[in-house]
Amino acid sequence: METTRQNKIARLIQKELSDIFLAQTRQMKGTMISVSACRISPDMSICRAYLSVFPGERAQEIVNNINENQKSVRFELGNRMRHQLRIIPELKFFVDDSLDYAEHIDELLKK
């Protein structure tokens, strides 16, 4: 069960990460990254961000690239949130495949 404070911080991190990825993907034509969810640990030290990537074929490649460069993303997040949070949590990024799963279930139901 997440506390109210965890939810507020997770939503704030989600918004800021969305802005960061929006600015970065403007330079990459034909790619879109959105942050579908953020989950933060009870001690506020680790944040798991779930990314939805278009096109879906390159999703794992892009998320792996973001995980390799997570220090620069965390630095940018720290610059944006330095007045709201004392400690910026460690970031871990994962592919959000819930849309693909929903499409698969929909196809199975149509058969």
C-alpha atoms as a PDB file:
ATOM      1  CA  MET A   1       0.000   0.000   0.000  1.00  0.00           C
ATOM      2  CA  GLU A   2       1.520   3.287  -1.094  1.00  0.00           C
ATOM      3  CA  THR A   3       1.258   6.341   1.118  1.00  0.00           C
ATOM      4  CA  THR A   4      -0.073   9.700   0.001  1.00  0.00           C
ATOM      5  CA  ARG A   5       3.442  11.127   0.026  1.00  0.00           C
ATOM      6  CA  GLN A   6       4.729   8.311  -2.202  1.00  0.00           C
ATOM      7  CA  ASN A   7       1.899   8.941  -4.677  1.00  0.00           C
ATOM      8  CA  LYS A   8       2.552  12.693  -4.778  1.00  0.00           C
ATOM      9  CA  ILE A   9       6.278  12.258  -5.341  1.00  0.00           C
ATOM     10  CA  ALA A  10       5.701   9.534  -7.957  1.00  0.00           C
ATOM     11  CA  ARG A  11       3.314  11.799  -9.889  1.00  0.00           C
ATOM     12  CA  LEU A  12       5.777  14.690  -9.697  1.00  0.00           C
ATOM     13  CA  ILE A  13       8.634  12.502 -10.955  1.00  0.00           C
ATOM     14  CA  GLN A  14       6.396  11.118 -13.717  1.00  0.00           C
ATOM     15  CA  LYS A  15       5.559  14.631 -14.932  1.00  0.00           C
ATOM     16  CA  GLU A  16       9.177  15.795 -14.890  1.00  0.00           C
ATOM     17  CA  LEU A  17      10.451  12.643 -16.634  1.00  0.00           C
ATOM     18  CA  SER A  18       7.765  13.100 -19.294  1.00  0.00           C
ATOM     19  CA  ASP A  19       8.999  16.638 -19.922  1.00  0.00           C
ATOM     20  CA  ILE A  20      12.621  15.452 -20.120  1.00  0.00           C
ATOM     21  CA  PHE A  21      11.826  12.671 -22.602  1.00  0.00           C
ATOM     22  CA  LEU A  22       9.594  14.977 -24.656  1.00  0.00           C
ATOM     23  CA  ALA A  23      12.492  17.403 -25.081  1.00  0.00           C
ATOM     24  CA  GLN A  24      14.900  14.595 -25.987  1.00  0.00           C
ATOM     25  CA  THR A  25      12.590  12.859 -28.472  1.00  0.00           C
ATOM     26  CA  ARG A  26      12.002  16.062 -30.419  1.00  0.00           C
ATOM     27  CA  GLN A  27      15.527  15.557 -31.740  1.00  0.00           C
ATOM     28  CA  MET A  28      14.815  11.930 -32.739  1.00  0.00           C
ATOM     29  CA  LYS A  29      12.289  11.898 -35.574  1.00  0.00           C
ATOM     30  CA  GLY A  30       9.725   9.102 -35.554  1.00  0.00           C
ATOM     31  CA  THR A  31      10.146   8.155 -31.901  1.00  0.00           C
ATOM     32  CA  MET A  32       7.861   8.902 -28.985  1.00  0.00           C
ATOM     33  CA  ILE A  33       8.448   8.042 -25.320  1.00  0.00           C
ATOM     34  CA  SER A  34       5.852   8.506 -22.619  1.00  0.00           C
ATOM     35  CA  VAL A  35       6.079   7.712 -18.925  1.00  0.00           C
ATOM     36  CA  SER A  36       3.026   5.599 -18.155  1.00  0.00           C
ATOM     37  CA  ALA A  37       3.681   5.035 -14.430  1.00  0.00           C
ATOM     38  CA  CYS A  38       6.173   5.643 -11.649  1.00  0.00           C
ATOM     39  CA  ARG A  39       6.452   3.619  -8.460  1.00  0.00           C
ATOM     40  CA  ILE A  40       8.624   4.835  -5.616  1.00  0.00           C
ATOM     41  CA  SER A  41       9.962   2.750  -2.738  1.00  0.00           C
ATOM     42  CA  PRO A  42       8.777   3.513   0.823  1.00  0.00           C
ATOM     43  CA  ASP A  43      12.156   5.014   1.741  1.00  0.00           C
ATOM     44  CA  MET A  44      12.056   7.252  -1.393  1.00  0.00           C
ATOM     45  CA  SER A  45      15.415   5.927  -2.617  1.00  0.00           C
ATOM     46  CA  ILE A  46      14.387   3.983  -5.748  1.00  0.00           C
ATOM     47  CA  CYS A  47      11.926   4.971  -8.439  1.00  0.00           C
ATOM     48  CA  ARG A  48      10.750   2.475 -11.058  1.00  0.00           C
ATOM     49  CA  ALA A  49       9.543   4.250 -14.181  1.00  0.00           C
ATOM     50  CA  TYR A  50       7.538   2.386 -16.823  1.00  0.00           C
ATOM     51  CA  LEU A  51       8.018   3.740 -20.348  1.00  0.00           C
ATOM     52  CA  SER A  52       5.721   3.321 -23.302  1.00  0.00           C
ATOM     53  CA  VAL A  53       7.719   3.614 -26.532  1.00  0.00           C
ATOM     54  CA  PHE A  54       6.517   4.131 -30.086  1.00  0.00           C
ATOM     55  CA  PRO A  55       7.438   2.353 -32.345  1.00  0.00           C
ATOM     56  CA  GLY A  56       7.127  -0.779 -30.228  1.00  0.00           C
ATOM     57  CA  GLU A  57       9.770  -2.753 -32.160  1.00  0.00           C
ATOM     58  CA  ARG A  58      12.543  -0.545 -30.750  1.00  0.00           C
ATOM     59  CA  ALA A  59      11.129  -0.321 -27.209  1.00  0.00           C
ATOM     60  CA  GLN A  60      13.614  -2.646 -25.492  1.00  0.00           C
ATOM     61  CA  GLU A  61      16.565  -1.077 -27.324  1.00  0.00           C
ATOM     62  CA  ILE A  62      15.523   2.448 -26.321  1.00  0.00           C
ATOM     63  CA  VAL A  63      14.851   1.517 -22.678  1.00  0.00           C
ATOM     64  CA  ASN A  64      18.238  -0.228 -22.472  1.00  0.00           C
ATOM     65  CA  ASN A  65      19.863   2.940 -23.847  1.00  0.00           C
ATOM     66  CA  ILE A  66      18.031   5.056 -21.266  1.00  0.00           C
ATOM     67  CA  ASN A  67      19.122   2.695 -18.464  1.00  0.00           C
ATOM     68  CA  GLU A  68      22.737   3.013 -19.604  1.00  0.00           C
ATOM     69  CA  ASN A  69      22.425   6.808 -19.457  1.00  0.00           C
ATOM     70  CA  GLN A  70      20.270   6.955 -16.326  1.00  0.00           C
ATOM     71  CA  LYS A  71      22.862   9.067 -14.489  1.00  0.00           C
ATOM     72  CA  SER A  72      22.399  11.954 -16.915  1.00  0.00           C
ATOM     73  CA  VAL A  73      18.602  11.582 -16.710  1.00  0.00           C
ATOM     74  CA  ARG A  74      18.817  11.621 -12.903  1.00  0.00           C
ATOM     75  CA  PHE A  75      21.040  14.720 -13.052  1.00  0.00           C
ATOM     76  CA  GLU A  76      18.517  16.508 -15.274  1.00  0.00           C
ATOM     77  CA  LEU A  77      15.696  15.417 -12.957  1.00  0.00           C
ATOM     78  CA  GLY A  78      17.680  16.732  -9.988  1.00  0.00           C
ATOM     79  CA  ASN A  79      18.114  20.111 -11.657  1.00  0.00           C
ATOM     80  CA  ARG A  80      14.372  20.354 -12.250  1.00  0.00           C
ATOM     81  CA  MET A  81      13.290  19.101  -8.800  1.00  0.00           C
ATOM     82  CA  ARG A  82      15.982  20.518  -6.525  1.00  0.00           C
ATOM     83  CA  HIS A  83      13.492  22.736  -4.686  1.00  0.00           C
ATOM     84  CA  GLN A  84      10.885  19.993  -4.147  1.00  0.00           C
ATOM     85  CA  LEU A  85      13.017  17.019  -3.029  1.00  0.00           C
ATOM     86  CA  ARG A  86      16.090  16.824  -0.859  1.00  0.00           C
ATOM     87  CA  ILE A  87      17.312  13.502  -2.306  1.00  0.00           C
ATOM     88  CA  ILE A  88      16.629  12.474  -5.902  1.00  0.00           C
ATOM     89  CA  PRO A  89      15.814   8.747  -6.040  1.00  0.00           C
ATOM     90  CA  GLU A  90      17.794   6.225  -8.068  1.00  0.00           C
ATOM     91  CA  LEU A  91      15.991   5.635 -11.372  1.00  0.00           C
ATOM     92  CA  LYS A  92      15.242   2.296 -13.002  1.00  0.00           C
ATOM     93  CA  PHE A  93      13.414   2.159 -16.318  1.00  0.00           C
ATOM     94  CA  PHE A  94      11.228  -0.663 -17.632  1.00  0.00           C
ATOM     95  CA  VAL A  95       9.190  -1.242 -20.781  1.00  0.00           C
ATOM     96  CA  ASP A  96       5.466  -0.840 -20.196  1.00  0.00           C
ATOM     97  CA  ASP A  97       3.880  -3.565 -22.277  1.00  0.00           C
ATOM     98  CA  SER A  98       0.346  -3.221 -20.944  1.00  0.00           C
ATOM     99  CA  LEU A  99      -0.955  -1.904 -24.297  1.00  0.00           C
ATOM    100  CA  ASP A 100       0.555  -4.853 -26.164  1.00  0.00           C
ATOM    101  CA  TYR A 101      -0.970  -7.206 -23.606  1.00  0.00           C
ATOM    102  CA  ALA A 102      -4.398  -5.576 -24.013  1.00  0.00           C
ATOM    103  CA  GLU A 103      -4.153  -5.891 -27.810  1.00  0.00           C
ATOM    104  CA  HIS A 104      -3.230  -9.569 -27.466  1.00  0.00           C
ATOM    105  CA  ILE A 105      -6.227 -10.235 -25.201  1.00  0.00           C
ATOM    106  CA  ASP A 106      -8.488  -8.351 -27.627  1.00  0.00           C
ATOM    107  CA  GLU A 107      -7.255 -10.495 -30.538  1.00  0.00           C
ATOM    108  CA  LEU A 108      -7.863 -13.671 -28.550  1.00  0.00           C
ATOM    109  CA  LEU A 109     -11.405 -12.587 -27.730  1.00  0.00           C
ATOM    110  CA  LYS A 110     -12.176 -11.864 -31.398  1.00  0.00           C
ATOM    111  CA  LYS A 111     -11.329 -15.436 -32.418  1.00  0.00           C
END
